[in-house]
Amino acid sequence: MTEQNAQDPDTQGGTGRPVADRSEQLHAFIGNARWFGGKGRGFTVTGCRRLVMPGSETPDETTGRTVVVELVSLAYDDGGSDVYQVPISYYGAEQLLLHHALVGRWEDSELGEVWAYDALHDHAATPAWLHSFADGVTAGELEFHRVGEEELDLEARSTLLSGEQSNSSVMFGETALMKLFRRLTPGHNPDIEILAALTEAGNEHVASLFGWVDTRTEEGELLQLGILQQFLRTASDGWELALASLRNLYTTGDVPARESGGDLASEAYRLGEAVAHMHVSLAQSFPVEEWGREQLAALADTMSRRLDEAVAVVPDIQEHAPGLHAIFDAVRHVPAPVRVTRVHGDLHLGQTLRTVKNWKIIDFEGEPAKPLDERRRPDSPWRDVAGMLRSFDYAAEVSRRDHEQATGDTDAHAQERAREWASRNTTAFLAGYRDATGTDVDQVLLTAYAADKAVYEAVYEARNRPGWLSIPLAALARLSSQG
């Protein structure tokens, strides 16, 4: 540290260490995190608000550990801002066992010189959340809400799960799962709002909610931070089950999907039933509205606008645009009124789990990229159905690619088998959904929502996984031929 820095008026707590030092380390940690949604955008850390976890009002006498939630404010170079939740364990000395979870080291105005670690990796820190949920405590600015009377194992060891893109989940033993939202938006989080309603309704196709935690912004707005819910110990991921079915199809010789030992159609039918039961419960738990001509025209306009915006990002969509616009225009002529209510909003195979008893549906947060108020708006259940159909298509294409890379088999027959599998499971899923609801498929709305989803996918893949761009482009080609 130079003498100039020691006399710099922009120092923290008069320690001589620049405030930017902490900001730079938080910047690096957040920017490299898998859950950070602003990748590719330059940003600056503009603030940090500390919420102290219950039990950490004073540092631990033995370890000096203080467990907090830092609400880190970001300002993007291209405009806009975000707040991210960063749980941190502060220690006065280096913790070698937590080296992989190091956030940084800096001089803290309240705690002195600290080593900062991601608290969700710290087995000594995570019990602070579990105990707070169990007791339903309010401490400082944090308020934990308890739901139900399920007994929690307070001695359970925590395990941070990998694989999530936008949030972070911690498993406690074999009974409870905590999910903390990383990117925070003031207001009621749909994951809490919908899961609480479905739990109260006794819907058997969700993992029961045990509690949630929230706080208030400095302006007094509600800010929800995370949930604790039932952990489905015996569950299998729906996406992985689909890929396993396809791998079996490719290794059982030249037989149709219906004769394959790993045929998934019966499970796809049951999944359709589960989604239908979810929609029935949502319609009973939340207000049901009706869309007339004006709302249907607005939906068609929104879909067409998204298509035009997507063409600017993915020019290859242009050749399919006339047919897609025809699909969206047909929405204007759907018989009104159309009943709408709360829906899942981001439904796909990765949001489903198969237990020994039945299918469960998870993650009701909606598309994270959408504004919170948009995710909470009533919508047609056909949006969810379309999302699942697009997921069957993705599974078929991803598996086909894996098969071709492993075997060198790139002939049209593999493509034909993938399409047969997707068609068979789509038909089964729709049959299960139709039989459980007693309603016919609205093919116009379903096709429009599927096309809208594929447009979104094309933009996402172009920006994040260019090697997968051909999957939604092929779907848009098929759909546009229907327009």
Protein backbone atom coordinates (compact mmCIF):
# COMPACT_ATOMS: atom_id res chain seq x y z
CA MET A 1 0.00 0.00 0.00
CA THR A 2 1.46 3.35 -1.01
CA GLU A 3 1.50 6.43 1.17
CA GLN A 4 -0.85 8.06 -1.30
CA ASN A 5 -3.43 5.28 -0.80
CA ALA A 6 -3.09 5.56 2.97
CA GLN A 7 -4.08 9.22 2.78
CA ASP A 8 -6.80 8.69 0.18
CA PRO A 9 -10.09 10.14 1.48
CA ASP A 10 -12.00 7.38 -0.38
CA THR A 11 -10.98 4.70 2.10
CA GLN A 12 -13.18 2.42 4.18
CA GLY A 13 -13.31 2.99 7.90
CA GLY A 14 -10.04 4.92 7.86
CA THR A 15 -8.07 1.69 7.41
CA GLY A 16 -6.09 2.85 4.42
CA ARG A 17 -7.42 0.08 2.16
CA PRO A 18 -9.38 1.53 -0.78
CA VAL A 19 -13.11 0.83 -0.94
CA ALA A 20 -12.57 -0.24 -4.55
CA ASP A 21 -10.53 -3.18 -3.32
CA ARG A 22 -13.60 -4.89 -1.92
CA SER A 23 -15.70 -3.80 -4.89
CA GLU A 24 -13.17 -5.21 -7.34
CA GLN A 25 -13.13 -8.58 -5.61
CA LEU A 26 -16.93 -8.76 -5.46
CA HIS A 27 -16.97 -7.74 -9.12
CA ALA A 28 -14.68 -10.64 -10.04
CA PHE A 29 -16.60 -13.15 -7.91
CA ILE A 30 -20.03 -12.18 -9.26
CA GLY A 31 -18.87 -11.81 -12.85
CA ASN A 32 -17.46 -15.34 -12.87
CA ALA A 33 -20.37 -16.98 -11.04
CA ARG A 34 -22.54 -19.40 -12.97
CA TRP A 35 -25.68 -17.75 -11.59
CA PHE A 36 -24.75 -14.27 -12.82
CA GLY A 37 -27.23 -13.28 -15.51
CA GLY A 38 -25.34 -10.29 -16.89
CA LYS A 39 -22.51 -12.09 -18.65
CA GLY A 40 -21.20 -10.13 -21.58
CA ARG A 41 -22.26 -6.80 -20.04
CA GLY A 42 -19.77 -4.53 -18.36
CA PHE A 43 -20.79 -3.49 -14.86
CA THR A 44 -19.66 -1.74 -11.72
CA VAL A 45 -20.33 -2.66 -8.09
CA THR A 46 -22.04 0.43 -6.72
CA GLY A 47 -23.12 -0.64 -3.24
CA CYS A 48 -23.31 -3.41 -0.68
CA ARG A 49 -26.01 -3.74 1.98
CA ARG A 50 -25.39 -6.20 4.80
CA LEU A 51 -28.04 -8.39 6.45
CA VAL A 52 -26.68 -10.30 9.44
CA MET A 53 -27.88 -13.88 9.84
CA PRO A 54 -29.50 -14.86 13.17
CA GLY A 55 -26.80 -15.96 15.59
CA SER A 56 -24.10 -13.84 13.94
CA GLU A 57 -24.88 -10.57 15.66
CA THR A 58 -21.41 -10.96 17.21
CA PRO A 59 -18.56 -13.04 15.73
CA ASP A 60 -18.30 -16.66 16.88
CA GLU A 61 -16.09 -16.81 19.97
CA THR A 62 -14.12 -19.81 18.74
CA THR A 63 -13.71 -19.22 15.01
CA GLY A 64 -14.41 -15.50 14.64
CA ARG A 65 -16.96 -16.42 11.98
CA THR A 66 -19.71 -13.98 11.03
CA VAL A 67 -22.40 -15.12 8.58
CA VAL A 68 -24.19 -12.47 6.55
CA VAL A 69 -26.15 -11.87 3.38
CA GLU A 70 -24.63 -9.13 1.25
CA LEU A 71 -27.04 -7.47 -1.17
CA VAL A 72 -24.69 -6.25 -3.87
CA SER A 73 -25.89 -3.49 -6.21
CA LEU A 74 -24.62 -3.46 -9.79
CA ALA A 75 -24.80 -0.77 -12.48
CA TYR A 76 -24.34 -1.88 -16.08
CA ASP A 77 -22.29 0.09 -18.56
CA ASP A 78 -25.11 -0.09 -21.11
CA GLY A 79 -27.72 1.08 -18.61
CA GLY A 80 -29.85 -0.66 -16.01
CA SER A 81 -29.02 -2.13 -12.64
CA ASP A 82 -29.41 -5.30 -10.59
CA VAL A 83 -29.14 -6.49 -7.01
CA TYR A 84 -27.55 -9.88 -6.32
CA GLN A 85 -27.67 -11.90 -3.12
CA VAL A 86 -24.23 -13.05 -1.95
CA PRO A 87 -24.20 -15.06 1.32
CA ILE A 88 -20.77 -14.71 2.93
CA SER A 89 -18.91 -16.28 5.84
CA TYR A 90 -16.41 -13.78 7.18
CA TYR A 91 -13.37 -15.08 9.07
CA GLY A 92 -10.47 -13.27 10.66
CA ALA A 93 -8.01 -15.84 9.32
CA GLU A 94 -7.63 -17.96 6.21
CA GLN A 95 -9.73 -21.15 6.07
CA LEU A 96 -7.84 -23.63 3.92
CA LEU A 97 -10.79 -26.02 3.64
CA LEU A 98 -12.81 -23.20 2.06
CA HIS A 99 -10.16 -22.11 -0.39
CA HIS A 100 -12.37 -23.18 -3.33
CA ALA A 101 -15.11 -20.83 -2.09
CA LEU A 102 -12.98 -17.73 -1.58
CA VAL A 103 -14.73 -14.48 -2.47
CA GLY A 104 -11.87 -12.20 -1.43
CA ARG A 105 -9.88 -10.62 1.33
CA TRP A 106 -10.30 -7.02 2.38
CA GLU A 107 -10.50 -4.57 5.26
CA ASP A 108 -14.08 -4.40 6.50
CA SER A 109 -15.33 -1.27 8.25
CA GLU A 110 -17.18 -3.34 10.88
CA LEU A 111 -15.14 -6.53 11.20
CA GLY A 112 -11.60 -5.45 10.41
CA GLU A 113 -9.45 -7.45 8.02
CA VAL A 114 -11.47 -10.46 6.85
CA TRP A 115 -11.35 -13.48 4.62
CA ALA A 116 -14.68 -13.74 2.78
CA TYR A 117 -16.04 -17.10 1.62
CA ASP A 118 -19.23 -18.14 -0.16
CA ALA A 119 -21.29 -19.21 2.86
CA LEU A 120 -23.22 -21.86 0.93
CA HIS A 121 -20.01 -23.91 0.72
CA ASP A 122 -19.42 -23.54 4.46
CA HIS A 123 -20.88 -26.44 6.47
CA ALA A 124 -20.45 -24.42 9.65
CA ALA A 125 -22.48 -21.51 8.25
CA THR A 126 -25.45 -23.12 6.49
CA PRO A 127 -27.14 -24.32 9.73
CA ALA A 128 -27.92 -20.64 10.38
CA TRP A 129 -30.52 -20.83 7.58
CA LEU A 130 -31.93 -24.22 8.55
CA HIS A 131 -32.42 -23.28 12.20
CA SER A 132 -33.94 -19.93 11.27
CA PHE A 133 -36.46 -21.61 8.96
CA ALA A 134 -37.31 -24.19 11.64
CA ASP A 135 -37.94 -21.51 14.27
CA GLY A 136 -39.61 -18.99 11.96
CA VAL A 137 -37.48 -16.23 13.46
CA THR A 138 -37.26 -12.53 12.76
CA ALA A 139 -33.81 -11.15 13.41
CA GLY A 140 -32.75 -7.69 12.39
CA GLU A 141 -33.87 -7.13 8.83
CA LEU A 142 -34.41 -10.81 7.99
CA GLU A 143 -37.76 -12.53 8.49
CA PHE A 144 -38.10 -16.30 8.21
CA HIS A 145 -41.59 -17.71 7.64
CA ARG A 146 -42.50 -21.29 8.57
CA VAL A 147 -45.08 -23.32 6.63
CA GLY A 148 -46.61 -26.55 7.90
CA GLU A 149 -45.43 -28.74 10.74
CA GLU A 150 -42.96 -31.00 8.96
CA GLU A 151 -40.17 -31.94 11.38
CA LEU A 152 -36.79 -30.77 10.13
CA ASP A 153 -33.52 -32.55 10.85
CA LEU A 154 -31.55 -29.75 12.46
CA GLU A 155 -28.38 -31.87 12.56
CA ALA A 156 -28.44 -32.54 8.81
CA ARG A 157 -25.25 -31.76 6.92
CA SER A 158 -25.56 -29.38 3.99
CA THR A 159 -24.61 -30.09 0.38
CA LEU A 160 -24.46 -27.35 -2.24
CA LEU A 161 -25.96 -28.67 -5.48
CA SER A 162 -24.38 -27.98 -8.85
CA GLY A 163 -26.08 -27.45 -12.17
CA GLU A 164 -28.42 -24.53 -11.50
CA GLN A 165 -28.05 -21.52 -13.75
CA SER A 166 -29.76 -18.64 -11.98
CA ASN A 167 -30.06 -19.59 -8.29
CA SER A 168 -28.27 -21.70 -5.68
CA SER A 169 -29.68 -24.73 -3.86
CA VAL A 170 -28.47 -26.44 -0.71
CA MET A 171 -29.65 -29.89 0.36
CA PHE A 172 -29.99 -30.58 4.10
CA GLY A 173 -29.73 -34.30 4.67
CA GLU A 174 -32.40 -36.19 2.77
CA THR A 175 -35.50 -34.19 3.62
CA ALA A 176 -35.11 -30.47 2.92
CA LEU A 177 -33.83 -28.30 0.08
CA MET A 178 -33.09 -24.58 0.35
CA LYS A 179 -33.05 -22.41 -2.74
CA LEU A 180 -31.68 -18.89 -2.54
CA PHE A 181 -32.53 -16.48 -5.32
CA ARG A 182 -29.40 -14.76 -6.59
CA ARG A 183 -30.82 -11.93 -8.71
CA LEU A 184 -33.36 -10.07 -6.59
CA THR A 185 -36.36 -8.01 -7.63
CA PRO A 186 -38.74 -6.25 -5.21
CA GLY A 187 -42.15 -7.88 -4.96
CA HIS A 188 -43.68 -11.32 -4.52
CA ASN A 189 -41.51 -14.04 -6.06
CA PRO A 190 -43.68 -16.45 -8.09
CA ASP A 191 -41.75 -19.46 -6.78
CA ILE A 192 -42.92 -18.67 -3.25
CA GLU A 193 -46.35 -17.39 -4.22
CA ILE A 194 -47.32 -20.36 -6.40
CA LEU A 195 -45.64 -23.06 -4.35
CA ALA A 196 -47.33 -21.80 -1.18
CA ALA A 197 -50.73 -21.88 -2.90
CA LEU A 198 -50.21 -25.38 -4.32
CA THR A 199 -48.92 -26.66 -0.97
CA GLU A 200 -51.96 -25.24 0.80
CA ALA A 201 -54.21 -26.79 -1.85
CA GLY A 202 -52.65 -30.18 -1.15
CA ASN A 203 -51.51 -30.65 -4.74
CA GLU A 204 -49.52 -33.89 -4.84
CA HIS A 205 -47.48 -32.88 -7.87
CA VAL A 206 -45.23 -30.35 -6.11
CA ALA A 207 -42.52 -30.54 -3.46
CA SER A 208 -44.16 -29.08 -0.36
CA LEU A 209 -43.08 -25.67 0.85
CA PHE A 210 -41.59 -25.57 4.37
CA GLY A 211 -40.89 -21.84 4.54
CA TRP A 212 -39.40 -18.75 2.97
CA VAL A 213 -37.23 -15.79 3.96
CA ASP A 214 -37.63 -12.15 3.04
CA THR A 215 -36.58 -8.63 3.95
CA ARG A 216 -37.44 -5.09 2.89
CA THR A 217 -35.62 -2.74 0.59
CA GLU A 218 -34.42 0.53 2.06
CA GLU A 219 -37.56 2.03 0.47
CA GLY A 220 -39.77 -0.47 2.30
CA GLU A 221 -40.58 -2.80 -0.61
CA LEU A 222 -40.81 -6.56 -0.10
CA LEU A 223 -37.67 -8.45 -1.16
CA GLN A 224 -37.91 -12.24 -1.07
CA LEU A 225 -34.63 -14.10 -0.72
CA GLY A 226 -35.30 -17.84 -0.79
CA ILE A 227 -37.32 -20.88 0.15
CA LEU A 228 -37.04 -24.15 2.05
CA GLN A 229 -38.99 -27.04 0.59
CA GLN A 230 -39.33 -30.80 0.58
CA PHE A 231 -36.36 -32.64 -0.90
CA LEU A 232 -37.42 -35.47 -3.19
CA ARG A 233 -34.76 -38.01 -2.33
CA THR A 234 -35.84 -40.77 -4.72
CA ALA A 235 -36.66 -38.51 -7.67
CA SER A 236 -35.25 -38.80 -11.17
CA ASP A 237 -34.84 -35.74 -13.37
CA GLY A 238 -37.29 -35.66 -16.28
CA TRP A 239 -34.67 -34.46 -18.76
CA GLU A 240 -32.31 -37.29 -17.83
CA LEU A 241 -35.12 -39.83 -18.12
CA ALA A 242 -35.86 -38.58 -21.63
CA LEU A 243 -32.21 -38.85 -22.68
CA ALA A 244 -32.00 -42.35 -21.20
CA SER A 245 -35.07 -43.37 -23.21
CA LEU A 246 -33.47 -42.07 -26.39
CA ARG A 247 -30.15 -43.78 -25.72
CA ASN A 248 -32.04 -47.02 -25.29
CA LEU A 249 -33.84 -46.43 -28.57
CA TYR A 250 -30.57 -46.04 -30.45
CA THR A 251 -29.06 -49.18 -28.95
CA THR A 252 -31.98 -51.59 -29.45
CA GLY A 253 -31.67 -52.01 -33.17
CA ASP A 254 -33.96 -50.82 -35.89
CA VAL A 255 -37.22 -50.89 -33.93
CA PRO A 256 -39.85 -48.15 -33.57
CA ALA A 257 -39.98 -46.11 -30.37
CA ARG A 258 -43.15 -47.89 -29.19
CA GLU A 259 -41.29 -51.23 -29.18
CA SER A 260 -38.15 -49.93 -27.49
CA GLY A 261 -37.49 -51.21 -24.00
CA GLY A 262 -37.00 -47.64 -22.84
CA ASP A 263 -40.21 -46.27 -24.35
CA LEU A 264 -41.23 -43.16 -22.40
CA ALA A 265 -44.74 -42.67 -23.76
CA SER A 266 -46.56 -43.99 -20.69
CA GLU A 267 -44.56 -41.63 -18.49
CA ALA A 268 -45.18 -38.75 -20.91
CA TYR A 269 -48.90 -39.45 -20.54
CA ARG A 270 -48.64 -39.35 -16.73
CA LEU A 271 -46.62 -36.15 -16.96
CA GLY A 272 -49.41 -34.62 -19.04
CA GLU A 273 -51.84 -35.56 -16.29
CA ALA A 274 -49.59 -33.98 -13.64
CA VAL A 275 -49.34 -30.70 -15.55
CA ALA A 276 -53.11 -30.69 -15.99
CA HIS A 277 -53.67 -31.19 -12.26
CA MET A 278 -51.26 -28.35 -11.56
CA HIS A 279 -53.22 -26.06 -13.86
CA VAL A 280 -56.52 -27.04 -12.21
CA SER A 281 -55.09 -26.20 -8.77
CA LEU A 282 -53.70 -22.88 -10.03
CA ALA A 283 -57.11 -21.94 -11.43
CA GLN A 284 -58.65 -22.72 -8.04
CA SER A 285 -56.00 -20.81 -6.08
CA PHE A 286 -55.65 -17.66 -8.19
CA PRO A 287 -58.12 -15.40 -9.99
CA VAL A 288 -59.24 -16.57 -13.43
CA GLU A 289 -59.53 -13.86 -16.06
CA GLU A 290 -60.77 -13.81 -19.63
CA TRP A 291 -59.01 -12.52 -22.72
CA GLY A 292 -61.21 -10.95 -25.35
CA ARG A 293 -60.38 -9.75 -28.85
CA GLU A 294 -58.23 -6.88 -27.61
CA GLN A 295 -56.03 -9.08 -25.42
CA LEU A 296 -55.65 -11.74 -28.11
CA ALA A 297 -54.60 -9.09 -30.62
CA ALA A 298 -52.07 -7.77 -28.10
CA LEU A 299 -50.68 -11.29 -27.65
CA ALA A 300 -50.33 -11.68 -31.42
CA ASP A 301 -48.61 -8.29 -31.66
CA THR A 302 -46.19 -9.19 -28.87
CA MET A 303 -45.24 -12.48 -30.51
CA SER A 304 -44.73 -10.80 -33.88
CA ARG A 305 -42.61 -8.07 -32.31
CA ARG A 306 -40.41 -10.65 -30.59
CA LEU A 307 -39.99 -12.39 -33.93
CA ASP A 308 -38.88 -9.17 -35.65
CA GLU A 309 -36.42 -8.48 -32.83
CA ALA A 310 -35.08 -12.02 -33.07
CA VAL A 311 -34.42 -11.70 -36.80
CA ALA A 312 -32.04 -8.83 -36.03
CA VAL A 313 -30.06 -11.18 -33.77
CA VAL A 314 -30.43 -14.39 -35.80
CA PRO A 315 -30.80 -13.47 -39.51
CA ASP A 316 -31.39 -17.15 -40.40
CA ILE A 317 -34.88 -16.83 -38.93
CA GLN A 318 -35.87 -14.43 -41.72
CA GLU A 319 -36.68 -17.15 -44.25
CA HIS A 320 -39.24 -18.59 -41.84
CA ALA A 321 -40.72 -15.24 -40.80
CA PRO A 322 -43.73 -15.15 -43.19
CA GLY A 323 -45.03 -18.50 -41.96
CA LEU A 324 -44.39 -17.60 -38.34
CA HIS A 325 -46.18 -14.27 -38.66
CA ALA A 326 -49.15 -16.19 -40.08
CA ILE A 327 -49.14 -18.44 -37.01
CA PHE A 328 -49.13 -15.42 -34.71
CA ASP A 329 -51.80 -13.59 -36.71
CA ALA A 330 -54.10 -16.59 -36.32
CA VAL A 331 -54.19 -15.89 -32.57
CA ARG A 332 -56.33 -12.83 -33.31
CA HIS A 333 -59.11 -15.13 -34.52
CA VAL A 334 -59.14 -17.62 -31.65
CA PRO A 335 -62.72 -17.85 -30.31
CA ALA A 336 -63.03 -15.47 -27.37
CA PRO A 337 -63.11 -15.38 -24.45
CA VAL A 338 -59.97 -17.33 -23.53
CA ARG A 339 -59.57 -18.23 -19.84
CA VAL A 340 -56.22 -17.31 -18.31
CA THR A 341 -54.73 -17.57 -14.83
CA ARG A 342 -51.37 -18.10 -13.18
CA VAL A 343 -49.13 -20.65 -14.89
CA HIS A 344 -45.68 -22.14 -14.34
CA GLY A 345 -44.17 -19.87 -16.99
CA ASP A 346 -40.96 -21.80 -17.73
CA LEU A 347 -42.03 -25.42 -17.95
CA HIS A 348 -39.73 -28.03 -19.50
CA LEU A 349 -38.45 -31.50 -18.68
CA GLY A 350 -35.72 -30.08 -16.45
CA GLN A 351 -38.45 -28.66 -14.21
CA THR A 352 -39.93 -32.09 -13.55
CA LEU A 353 -38.99 -34.96 -11.24
CA ARG A 354 -40.27 -38.53 -11.31
CA THR A 355 -40.62 -40.02 -7.83
CA VAL A 356 -41.62 -43.59 -6.98
CA LYS A 357 -45.15 -42.22 -6.53
CA ASN A 358 -45.74 -39.71 -9.29
CA TRP A 359 -44.40 -36.76 -11.26
CA LYS A 360 -43.48 -33.58 -9.39
CA ILE A 361 -43.15 -30.11 -10.90
CA ILE A 362 -40.58 -27.67 -9.53
CA ASP A 363 -39.21 -24.14 -9.97
CA PHE A 364 -42.18 -21.80 -10.33
CA GLU A 365 -40.06 -18.67 -10.68
CA GLY A 366 -40.81 -18.29 -14.40
CA GLU A 367 -38.28 -17.18 -17.00
CA PRO A 368 -35.62 -15.34 -14.95
CA ALA A 369 -34.92 -12.89 -17.78
CA LYS A 370 -38.46 -11.54 -17.70
CA PRO A 371 -39.46 -8.69 -15.35
CA LEU A 372 -41.15 -9.84 -12.16
CA ASP A 373 -44.50 -8.22 -12.94
CA GLU A 374 -44.60 -10.00 -16.30
CA ARG A 375 -43.86 -13.37 -14.68
CA ARG A 376 -46.81 -12.87 -12.31
CA ARG A 377 -49.36 -12.00 -14.99
CA PRO A 378 -52.14 -14.44 -15.88
CA ASP A 379 -51.47 -16.41 -19.04
CA SER A 380 -52.88 -19.31 -20.99
CA PRO A 381 -51.99 -22.81 -19.76
CA TRP A 382 -51.06 -23.58 -23.37
CA ARG A 383 -47.84 -21.66 -22.80
CA ASP A 384 -46.76 -24.32 -20.30
CA VAL A 385 -47.88 -27.14 -22.57
CA ALA A 386 -45.94 -25.65 -25.47
CA GLY A 387 -42.84 -25.38 -23.30
CA MET A 388 -43.00 -29.09 -22.54
CA LEU A 389 -43.45 -29.99 -26.20
CA ARG A 390 -40.41 -27.92 -27.10
CA SER A 391 -38.50 -29.81 -24.40
CA PHE A 392 -39.36 -33.18 -25.96
CA ASP A 393 -38.02 -31.81 -29.26
CA TYR A 394 -34.81 -30.63 -27.58
CA ALA A 395 -34.25 -33.98 -25.90
CA ALA A 396 -34.65 -35.79 -29.23
CA GLU A 397 -32.21 -33.52 -31.04
CA VAL A 398 -29.59 -33.40 -28.28
CA SER A 399 -29.63 -37.19 -27.98
CA ARG A 400 -29.38 -37.62 -31.75
CA ARG A 401 -26.32 -35.37 -31.82
CA ASP A 402 -24.70 -37.32 -29.01
CA HIS A 403 -25.42 -40.58 -30.83
CA GLU A 404 -23.97 -39.31 -34.09
CA GLN A 405 -20.82 -38.03 -32.39
CA ALA A 406 -20.33 -41.36 -30.62
CA THR A 407 -20.95 -43.57 -33.65
CA GLY A 408 -20.25 -41.41 -36.67
CA ASP A 409 -23.75 -42.26 -37.89
CA THR A 410 -25.01 -39.09 -39.56
CA ASP A 411 -27.53 -40.54 -41.99
CA ALA A 412 -31.13 -39.43 -42.22
CA HIS A 413 -32.33 -42.52 -40.37
CA ALA A 414 -31.12 -41.18 -37.00
CA GLN A 415 -33.02 -37.97 -37.67
CA GLU A 416 -36.13 -39.95 -38.53
CA ARG A 417 -35.95 -41.94 -35.30
CA ALA A 418 -35.46 -38.79 -33.22
CA ARG A 419 -38.50 -37.18 -34.80
CA GLU A 420 -40.57 -40.32 -34.27
CA TRP A 421 -39.64 -40.35 -30.56
CA ALA A 422 -40.52 -36.66 -30.15
CA SER A 423 -43.84 -37.11 -31.96
CA ARG A 424 -44.79 -40.18 -29.93
CA ASN A 425 -44.11 -38.52 -26.58
CA THR A 426 -45.76 -35.28 -27.64
CA THR A 427 -48.91 -37.21 -28.54
CA ALA A 428 -48.84 -39.11 -25.24
CA PHE A 429 -48.29 -35.96 -23.18
CA LEU A 430 -51.18 -34.15 -24.89
CA ALA A 431 -53.43 -37.17 -24.40
CA GLY A 432 -52.69 -37.23 -20.68
CA TYR A 433 -53.29 -33.49 -20.42
CA ARG A 434 -56.54 -33.67 -22.40
CA ASP A 435 -57.89 -36.65 -20.46
CA ALA A 436 -57.15 -35.02 -17.10
CA THR A 437 -58.73 -31.68 -17.99
CA GLY A 438 -61.53 -32.90 -20.21
CA THR A 439 -60.75 -30.13 -22.71
CA ASP A 440 -59.66 -30.31 -26.33
CA VAL A 441 -56.31 -28.94 -27.40
CA ASP A 442 -56.45 -25.38 -28.72
CA GLN A 443 -54.13 -26.05 -31.64
CA VAL A 444 -53.91 -22.42 -32.74
CA LEU A 445 -52.76 -21.15 -29.34
CA LEU A 446 -50.53 -24.17 -28.74
CA THR A 447 -48.76 -23.73 -32.08
CA ALA A 448 -48.33 -20.00 -31.51
CA TYR A 449 -46.83 -20.49 -28.05
CA ALA A 450 -44.52 -23.22 -29.39
CA ALA A 451 -43.32 -20.95 -32.19
CA ASP A 452 -42.83 -18.06 -29.77
CA LYS A 453 -40.78 -20.33 -27.50
CA ALA A 454 -38.64 -21.52 -30.43
CA VAL A 455 -37.96 -17.89 -31.39
CA TYR A 456 -36.76 -17.25 -27.84
CA GLU A 457 -34.62 -20.39 -27.98
CA ALA A 458 -32.97 -19.29 -31.21
CA VAL A 459 -31.88 -15.99 -29.70
CA TYR A 460 -30.66 -17.73 -26.55
CA GLU A 461 -28.64 -20.31 -28.45
CA ALA A 462 -27.13 -17.70 -30.77
CA ARG A 463 -25.86 -15.81 -27.75
CA ASN A 464 -24.91 -18.68 -25.47
CA ARG A 465 -24.61 -22.01 -27.35
CA PRO A 466 -24.15 -21.38 -31.07
CA GLY A 467 -23.57 -25.08 -31.64
CA TRP A 468 -27.18 -25.74 -30.63
CA LEU A 469 -28.73 -23.00 -32.77
CA SER A 470 -29.78 -25.49 -35.43
CA ILE A 471 -32.23 -27.12 -32.97
CA PRO A 472 -34.67 -24.18 -32.68
CA LEU A 473 -34.04 -23.19 -36.31
CA ALA A 474 -35.18 -26.65 -37.46
CA ALA A 475 -38.24 -26.33 -35.26
CA LEU A 476 -39.05 -22.92 -36.73
CA ALA A 477 -38.74 -24.37 -40.21
CA ARG A 478 -41.24 -27.12 -39.36
CA LEU A 479 -43.62 -24.75 -37.61
CA SER A 480 -43.50 -22.07 -40.31
CA SER A 481 -44.61 -24.60 -42.90
CA GLN A 482 -47.87 -24.77 -40.94
CA GLY A 483 -48.39 -21.02 -41.10
